[in-house]
Amino acid sequence: MTAKENALNWFEISVSDMNRAKKFYETVFGIEMQLQEMMGMQMAFFPAEDMNGKVSGSLVQGPNHKPSMDGAKIYLNGNPDLANALAKVEAAGGKVIMPKTKISDEIGCMAFFIDTEGNNVALHSNN
């Protein structure tokens, strides 16, 4: 890994109920996630263009995937303003645990929520 490469290549958010989790993330971000079975796991993919160098990931239900509030934190892209996605979290079945909080003018803002599966997930936006 070098400073010119992404530190993160791929992320997976563990889920116990794929349909519920897929609906939650589609509602919060206004996206459509493609569902696929792969290697004995159910996966729902966040929108991405293949091989463009940008990081993406999926929801995963399967062995070695257990939702947790205590695992590593991932920051999902909430641009242009994470308040838009955060405002949909509770209506979609999640819980906001840290409201939009300014980090600095240079870095932007962050927030934390618990998804429908019990994962502690973060949002980041430049504003």
N, C-alpha and C. Protein backbone atom coordinates (compact mmCIF):
# COMPACT_ATOMS: atom_id res chain seq x y z
N MET A 1 0.85 -1.18 0.00
CA MET A 1 0.00 0.00 0.00
C MET A 1 0.90 1.24 0.00
N THR A 2 0.51 2.22 -0.79
CA THR A 2 1.23 3.49 -0.82
C THR A 2 0.23 4.62 -0.58
N ALA A 3 0.76 5.83 -0.42
CA ALA A 3 -0.10 7.00 -0.19
C ALA A 3 -0.98 7.31 -1.40
N LYS A 4 -0.64 6.78 -2.56
CA LYS A 4 -1.42 7.03 -3.77
C LYS A 4 -2.52 6.00 -3.99
N GLU A 5 -2.61 5.00 -3.12
CA GLU A 5 -3.60 3.94 -3.24
C GLU A 5 -4.65 4.07 -2.13
N ASN A 6 -5.83 3.52 -2.38
CA ASN A 6 -6.84 3.47 -1.34
C ASN A 6 -6.36 2.60 -0.19
N ALA A 7 -6.55 3.04 1.03
CA ALA A 7 -6.23 2.20 2.19
C ALA A 7 -7.26 1.09 2.33
N LEU A 8 -8.44 1.29 1.80
CA LEU A 8 -9.52 0.33 1.87
C LEU A 8 -9.84 -0.14 0.45
N ASN A 9 -9.89 -1.45 0.24
CA ASN A 9 -10.22 -2.00 -1.08
C ASN A 9 -11.69 -2.39 -1.20
N TRP A 10 -12.26 -2.87 -0.12
CA TRP A 10 -13.61 -3.43 -0.14
C TRP A 10 -14.12 -3.45 1.28
N PHE A 11 -15.43 -3.31 1.46
CA PHE A 11 -15.99 -3.46 2.80
C PHE A 11 -17.21 -4.36 2.73
N GLU A 12 -17.47 -5.04 3.83
CA GLU A 12 -18.66 -5.86 3.97
C GLU A 12 -19.33 -5.54 5.29
N ILE A 13 -20.62 -5.30 5.22
CA ILE A 13 -21.42 -5.07 6.42
C ILE A 13 -22.19 -6.34 6.69
N SER A 14 -21.94 -6.96 7.83
CA SER A 14 -22.60 -8.22 8.18
C SER A 14 -24.06 -7.99 8.52
N VAL A 15 -24.92 -8.90 8.05
CA VAL A 15 -26.36 -8.79 8.32
C VAL A 15 -26.90 -10.16 8.71
N SER A 16 -27.99 -10.14 9.48
CA SER A 16 -28.66 -11.39 9.82
C SER A 16 -29.95 -11.58 9.04
N ASP A 17 -30.52 -10.50 8.51
CA ASP A 17 -31.74 -10.56 7.71
C ASP A 17 -31.50 -9.71 6.46
N MET A 18 -31.16 -10.35 5.36
CA MET A 18 -30.76 -9.63 4.15
C MET A 18 -31.86 -8.72 3.62
N ASN A 19 -33.08 -9.19 3.56
CA ASN A 19 -34.16 -8.36 3.02
C ASN A 19 -34.36 -7.10 3.84
N ARG A 20 -34.35 -7.23 5.16
CA ARG A 20 -34.53 -6.08 6.05
C ARG A 20 -33.35 -5.11 5.89
N ALA A 21 -32.13 -5.62 5.88
CA ALA A 21 -30.95 -4.77 5.78
C ALA A 21 -30.89 -4.06 4.41
N LYS A 22 -31.18 -4.79 3.35
CA LYS A 22 -31.18 -4.22 2.00
C LYS A 22 -32.19 -3.07 1.91
N LYS A 23 -33.38 -3.29 2.43
CA LYS A 23 -34.41 -2.26 2.42
C LYS A 23 -33.95 -1.03 3.21
N PHE A 24 -33.32 -1.25 4.36
CA PHE A 24 -32.83 -0.15 5.19
C PHE A 24 -31.84 0.71 4.41
N TYR A 25 -30.79 0.11 3.84
CA TYR A 25 -29.76 0.87 3.15
C TYR A 25 -30.29 1.50 1.86
N GLU A 26 -31.17 0.83 1.15
CA GLU A 26 -31.77 1.42 -0.04
C GLU A 26 -32.60 2.65 0.33
N THR A 27 -33.32 2.57 1.44
CA THR A 27 -34.15 3.69 1.89
C THR A 27 -33.30 4.86 2.35
N VAL A 28 -32.32 4.60 3.18
CA VAL A 28 -31.49 5.67 3.74
C VAL A 28 -30.71 6.40 2.65
N PHE A 29 -30.16 5.68 1.67
CA PHE A 29 -29.32 6.32 0.66
C PHE A 29 -30.01 6.54 -0.68
N GLY A 30 -31.26 6.10 -0.82
CA GLY A 30 -31.97 6.28 -2.09
C GLY A 30 -31.29 5.56 -3.24
N ILE A 31 -30.85 4.32 -2.99
CA ILE A 31 -30.12 3.53 -3.98
C ILE A 31 -30.85 2.22 -4.24
N GLU A 32 -30.41 1.51 -5.26
CA GLU A 32 -30.87 0.14 -5.51
C GLU A 32 -29.65 -0.77 -5.39
N MET A 33 -29.79 -1.82 -4.60
CA MET A 33 -28.70 -2.75 -4.39
C MET A 33 -29.02 -4.06 -5.09
N GLN A 34 -28.05 -4.57 -5.84
CA GLN A 34 -28.24 -5.83 -6.55
C GLN A 34 -27.94 -6.99 -5.62
N LEU A 35 -28.84 -7.95 -5.56
CA LEU A 35 -28.73 -9.12 -4.70
C LEU A 35 -28.15 -10.28 -5.49
N GLN A 36 -27.22 -11.01 -4.86
CA GLN A 36 -26.58 -12.14 -5.53
C GLN A 36 -26.12 -13.15 -4.49
N GLU A 37 -26.17 -14.43 -4.84
CA GLU A 37 -25.59 -15.46 -3.99
C GLU A 37 -24.19 -15.75 -4.52
N MET A 38 -23.23 -15.78 -3.61
CA MET A 38 -21.84 -15.99 -4.00
C MET A 38 -21.12 -16.75 -2.89
N MET A 39 -20.51 -17.85 -3.24
CA MET A 39 -19.73 -18.64 -2.29
C MET A 39 -20.53 -19.01 -1.03
N GLY A 40 -21.80 -19.35 -1.23
CA GLY A 40 -22.65 -19.75 -0.12
C GLY A 40 -23.15 -18.61 0.74
N MET A 41 -23.02 -17.39 0.27
CA MET A 41 -23.46 -16.22 1.02
C MET A 41 -24.44 -15.39 0.19
N GLN A 42 -25.35 -14.71 0.85
CA GLN A 42 -26.20 -13.72 0.20
C GLN A 42 -25.47 -12.39 0.28
N MET A 43 -25.40 -11.69 -0.86
CA MET A 43 -24.72 -10.40 -0.89
C MET A 43 -25.60 -9.39 -1.62
N ALA A 44 -25.64 -8.17 -1.10
CA ALA A 44 -26.32 -7.05 -1.75
C ALA A 44 -25.27 -5.96 -1.93
N PHE A 45 -25.05 -5.55 -3.18
CA PHE A 45 -23.93 -4.68 -3.52
C PHE A 45 -24.32 -3.21 -3.55
N PHE A 46 -23.48 -2.38 -2.94
CA PHE A 46 -23.63 -0.93 -3.06
C PHE A 46 -23.29 -0.56 -4.50
N PRO A 47 -23.91 0.51 -5.05
CA PRO A 47 -23.65 0.89 -6.44
C PRO A 47 -22.17 1.19 -6.67
N ALA A 48 -21.64 0.71 -7.78
CA ALA A 48 -20.24 0.95 -8.13
C ALA A 48 -20.03 0.68 -9.61
N GLU A 49 -19.06 1.36 -10.19
CA GLU A 49 -18.62 1.06 -11.55
C GLU A 49 -17.45 0.11 -11.43
N ASP A 50 -17.49 -0.98 -12.17
CA ASP A 50 -16.44 -1.98 -12.09
C ASP A 50 -15.07 -1.41 -12.43
N MET A 51 -14.10 -1.79 -11.63
CA MET A 51 -12.69 -1.52 -11.89
C MET A 51 -12.36 -0.03 -12.08
N ASN A 52 -13.06 0.87 -11.39
CA ASN A 52 -12.77 2.29 -11.55
C ASN A 52 -11.83 2.82 -10.47
N GLY A 53 -11.38 1.98 -9.56
CA GLY A 53 -10.45 2.40 -8.52
C GLY A 53 -11.10 2.97 -7.29
N LYS A 54 -12.41 3.12 -7.29
CA LYS A 54 -13.12 3.62 -6.13
C LYS A 54 -13.54 2.45 -5.26
N VAL A 55 -13.54 2.66 -3.96
CA VAL A 55 -13.90 1.61 -3.01
C VAL A 55 -15.40 1.41 -2.98
N SER A 56 -15.82 0.17 -2.92
CA SER A 56 -17.22 -0.16 -2.73
C SER A 56 -17.32 -1.37 -1.81
N GLY A 57 -18.53 -1.87 -1.64
CA GLY A 57 -18.71 -3.01 -0.75
C GLY A 57 -20.11 -3.56 -0.84
N SER A 58 -20.45 -4.40 0.14
CA SER A 58 -21.74 -5.07 0.11
C SER A 58 -22.23 -5.40 1.51
N LEU A 59 -23.50 -5.71 1.57
CA LEU A 59 -24.09 -6.35 2.74
C LEU A 59 -23.85 -7.84 2.56
N VAL A 60 -23.57 -8.57 3.63
CA VAL A 60 -23.31 -10.00 3.51
C VAL A 60 -24.01 -10.76 4.63
N GLN A 61 -24.73 -11.81 4.24
CA GLN A 61 -25.32 -12.74 5.19
C GLN A 61 -24.72 -14.10 4.91
N GLY A 62 -24.00 -14.66 5.88
CA GLY A 62 -23.38 -15.96 5.69
C GLY A 62 -22.42 -16.28 6.81
N PRO A 63 -21.72 -17.40 6.66
CA PRO A 63 -20.74 -17.80 7.68
C PRO A 63 -19.69 -16.70 7.89
N ASN A 64 -19.24 -16.57 9.10
CA ASN A 64 -18.22 -15.58 9.46
C ASN A 64 -18.68 -14.14 9.33
N HIS A 65 -19.99 -13.92 9.24
CA HIS A 65 -20.53 -12.57 9.16
C HIS A 65 -21.60 -12.42 10.24
N LYS A 66 -21.24 -11.76 11.33
CA LYS A 66 -22.15 -11.53 12.44
C LYS A 66 -22.22 -10.03 12.73
N PRO A 67 -23.41 -9.44 12.66
CA PRO A 67 -23.53 -8.01 12.95
C PRO A 67 -22.99 -7.69 14.34
N SER A 68 -22.40 -6.50 14.50
CA SER A 68 -21.82 -6.12 15.78
C SER A 68 -21.72 -4.61 15.90
N MET A 69 -21.87 -4.13 17.13
CA MET A 69 -21.64 -2.72 17.41
C MET A 69 -20.18 -2.49 17.79
N ASP A 70 -19.41 -3.55 17.97
CA ASP A 70 -18.07 -3.43 18.52
C ASP A 70 -16.95 -3.60 17.50
N GLY A 71 -17.27 -3.83 16.26
CA GLY A 71 -16.25 -4.08 15.25
C GLY A 71 -15.65 -2.80 14.70
N ALA A 72 -14.90 -2.94 13.63
CA ALA A 72 -14.28 -1.79 12.96
C ALA A 72 -15.37 -0.85 12.45
N LYS A 73 -15.08 0.42 12.41
CA LYS A 73 -16.04 1.41 11.91
C LYS A 73 -15.75 1.71 10.45
N ILE A 74 -16.79 1.73 9.66
CA ILE A 74 -16.66 2.19 8.29
C ILE A 74 -17.48 3.47 8.16
N TYR A 75 -16.98 4.38 7.36
CA TYR A 75 -17.64 5.66 7.12
C TYR A 75 -18.20 5.63 5.70
N LEU A 76 -19.51 5.58 5.59
CA LEU A 76 -20.16 5.60 4.28
C LEU A 76 -20.26 7.04 3.80
N ASN A 77 -20.23 7.22 2.50
CA ASN A 77 -20.24 8.54 1.88
C ASN A 77 -21.62 9.17 2.00
N GLY A 78 -21.72 10.25 2.76
CA GLY A 78 -22.97 10.97 2.93
C GLY A 78 -23.02 12.26 2.15
N ASN A 79 -22.09 12.47 1.20
CA ASN A 79 -22.07 13.71 0.43
C ASN A 79 -23.33 13.86 -0.41
N PRO A 80 -23.82 15.05 -0.67
CA PRO A 80 -23.18 16.31 -0.34
C PRO A 80 -23.38 16.75 1.11
N ASP A 81 -24.39 16.23 1.80
CA ASP A 81 -24.63 16.57 3.21
C ASP A 81 -25.21 15.35 3.89
N LEU A 82 -24.48 14.78 4.84
CA LEU A 82 -24.91 13.55 5.50
C LEU A 82 -26.24 13.71 6.23
N ALA A 83 -26.67 14.93 6.50
CA ALA A 83 -27.96 15.15 7.16
C ALA A 83 -29.10 14.55 6.36
N ASN A 84 -28.97 14.51 5.02
CA ASN A 84 -30.03 13.94 4.18
C ASN A 84 -30.24 12.46 4.47
N ALA A 85 -29.17 11.67 4.49
CA ALA A 85 -29.28 10.24 4.80
C ALA A 85 -29.63 10.03 6.26
N LEU A 86 -29.01 10.79 7.15
CA LEU A 86 -29.24 10.62 8.59
C LEU A 86 -30.70 10.85 8.95
N ALA A 87 -31.36 11.76 8.25
CA ALA A 87 -32.77 12.05 8.52
C ALA A 87 -33.68 10.87 8.21
N LYS A 88 -33.20 9.90 7.43
CA LYS A 88 -34.01 8.75 7.04
C LYS A 88 -33.75 7.51 7.90
N VAL A 89 -32.73 7.55 8.73
CA VAL A 89 -32.30 6.37 9.48
C VAL A 89 -33.40 5.83 10.38
N GLU A 90 -33.99 6.65 11.22
CA GLU A 90 -34.96 6.15 12.20
C GLU A 90 -36.25 5.69 11.54
N ALA A 91 -36.71 6.39 10.52
CA ALA A 91 -37.92 5.96 9.82
C ALA A 91 -37.70 4.63 9.11
N ALA A 92 -36.44 4.33 8.76
CA ALA A 92 -36.12 3.07 8.08
C ALA A 92 -35.85 1.94 9.07
N GLY A 93 -35.92 2.22 10.36
CA GLY A 93 -35.76 1.18 11.37
C GLY A 93 -34.44 1.21 12.12
N GLY A 94 -33.59 2.19 11.86
CA GLY A 94 -32.32 2.31 12.57
C GLY A 94 -32.42 3.30 13.71
N LYS A 95 -31.26 3.63 14.29
CA LYS A 95 -31.22 4.59 15.40
C LYS A 95 -29.99 5.46 15.28
N VAL A 96 -30.18 6.77 15.30
CA VAL A 96 -29.06 7.71 15.28
C VAL A 96 -28.47 7.74 16.69
N ILE A 97 -27.16 7.49 16.78
CA ILE A 97 -26.53 7.52 18.11
C ILE A 97 -25.55 8.68 18.27
N MET A 98 -25.16 9.31 17.17
CA MET A 98 -24.39 10.56 17.23
C MET A 98 -24.86 11.42 16.07
N PRO A 99 -25.45 12.57 16.36
CA PRO A 99 -25.96 13.42 15.28
C PRO A 99 -24.82 13.98 14.44
N LYS A 100 -25.19 14.64 13.37
CA LYS A 100 -24.19 15.29 12.52
C LYS A 100 -23.31 16.17 13.38
N THR A 101 -22.01 15.93 13.31
CA THR A 101 -21.04 16.63 14.14
C THR A 101 -19.90 17.13 13.26
N LYS A 102 -19.58 18.40 13.38
CA LYS A 102 -18.49 18.97 12.58
C LYS A 102 -17.15 18.51 13.13
N ILE A 103 -16.31 17.99 12.25
CA ILE A 103 -14.95 17.60 12.63
C ILE A 103 -14.06 18.84 12.50
N SER A 104 -14.04 19.43 11.32
CA SER A 104 -13.34 20.69 11.06
C SER A 104 -13.78 21.19 9.69
N ASP A 105 -13.44 22.44 9.37
CA ASP A 105 -13.78 22.98 8.05
C ASP A 105 -13.12 22.17 6.94
N GLU A 106 -11.89 21.72 7.17
CA GLU A 106 -11.15 20.99 6.16
C GLU A 106 -11.64 19.56 5.96
N ILE A 107 -12.05 18.91 7.05
CA ILE A 107 -12.41 17.49 6.99
C ILE A 107 -13.89 17.27 6.76
N GLY A 108 -14.74 18.11 7.31
CA GLY A 108 -16.18 17.97 7.13
C GLY A 108 -16.89 17.50 8.38
N CYS A 109 -17.92 16.66 8.19
CA CYS A 109 -18.79 16.24 9.30
C CYS A 109 -18.92 14.73 9.36
N MET A 110 -19.32 14.25 10.54
CA MET A 110 -19.52 12.83 10.73
C MET A 110 -20.75 12.59 11.59
N ALA A 111 -21.25 11.36 11.57
CA ALA A 111 -22.38 10.93 12.41
C ALA A 111 -22.31 9.42 12.54
N PHE A 112 -22.96 8.87 13.57
CA PHE A 112 -23.04 7.43 13.76
C PHE A 112 -24.49 6.99 13.87
N PHE A 113 -24.78 5.80 13.34
CA PHE A 113 -26.11 5.22 13.51
C PHE A 113 -25.99 3.71 13.70
N ILE A 114 -27.05 3.12 14.25
CA ILE A 114 -27.17 1.67 14.36
C ILE A 114 -28.14 1.25 13.27
N ASP A 115 -27.73 0.30 12.43
CA ASP A 115 -28.62 -0.15 11.36
C ASP A 115 -29.61 -1.18 11.90
N THR A 116 -30.45 -1.71 11.04
CA THR A 116 -31.47 -2.66 11.47
C THR A 116 -30.88 -3.98 11.94
N GLU A 117 -29.60 -4.23 11.66
CA GLU A 117 -28.96 -5.48 12.03
C GLU A 117 -28.14 -5.37 13.31
N GLY A 118 -28.03 -4.15 13.87
CA GLY A 118 -27.26 -3.94 15.09
C GLY A 118 -25.83 -3.50 14.84
N ASN A 119 -25.49 -3.15 13.60
CA ASN A 119 -24.15 -2.65 13.30
C ASN A 119 -24.05 -1.16 13.62
N ASN A 120 -22.93 -0.74 14.18
CA ASN A 120 -22.63 0.65 14.43
C ASN A 120 -21.88 1.16 13.21
N VAL A 121 -22.52 2.04 12.42
CA VAL A 121 -21.98 2.50 11.14
C VAL A 121 -21.86 4.03 11.18
N ALA A 122 -20.86 4.56 10.46
CA ALA A 122 -20.64 6.00 10.43
C ALA A 122 -20.94 6.57 9.06
N LEU A 123 -21.22 7.86 9.05
CA LEU A 123 -21.38 8.64 7.82
C LEU A 123 -20.36 9.76 7.82
N HIS A 124 -19.90 10.16 6.65
CA HIS A 124 -19.02 11.32 6.51
C HIS A 124 -19.49 12.12 5.31
N SER A 125 -19.41 13.44 5.42
CA SER A 125 -19.64 14.32 4.27
C SER A 125 -18.75 15.53 4.41
N ASN A 126 -18.49 16.19 3.29
CA ASN A 126 -17.64 17.37 3.30
C ASN A 126 -18.31 18.56 3.95
N ASN A 127 -19.64 18.56 4.00
CA ASN A 127 -20.41 19.65 4.63
C ASN A 127 -21.26 19.11 5.76
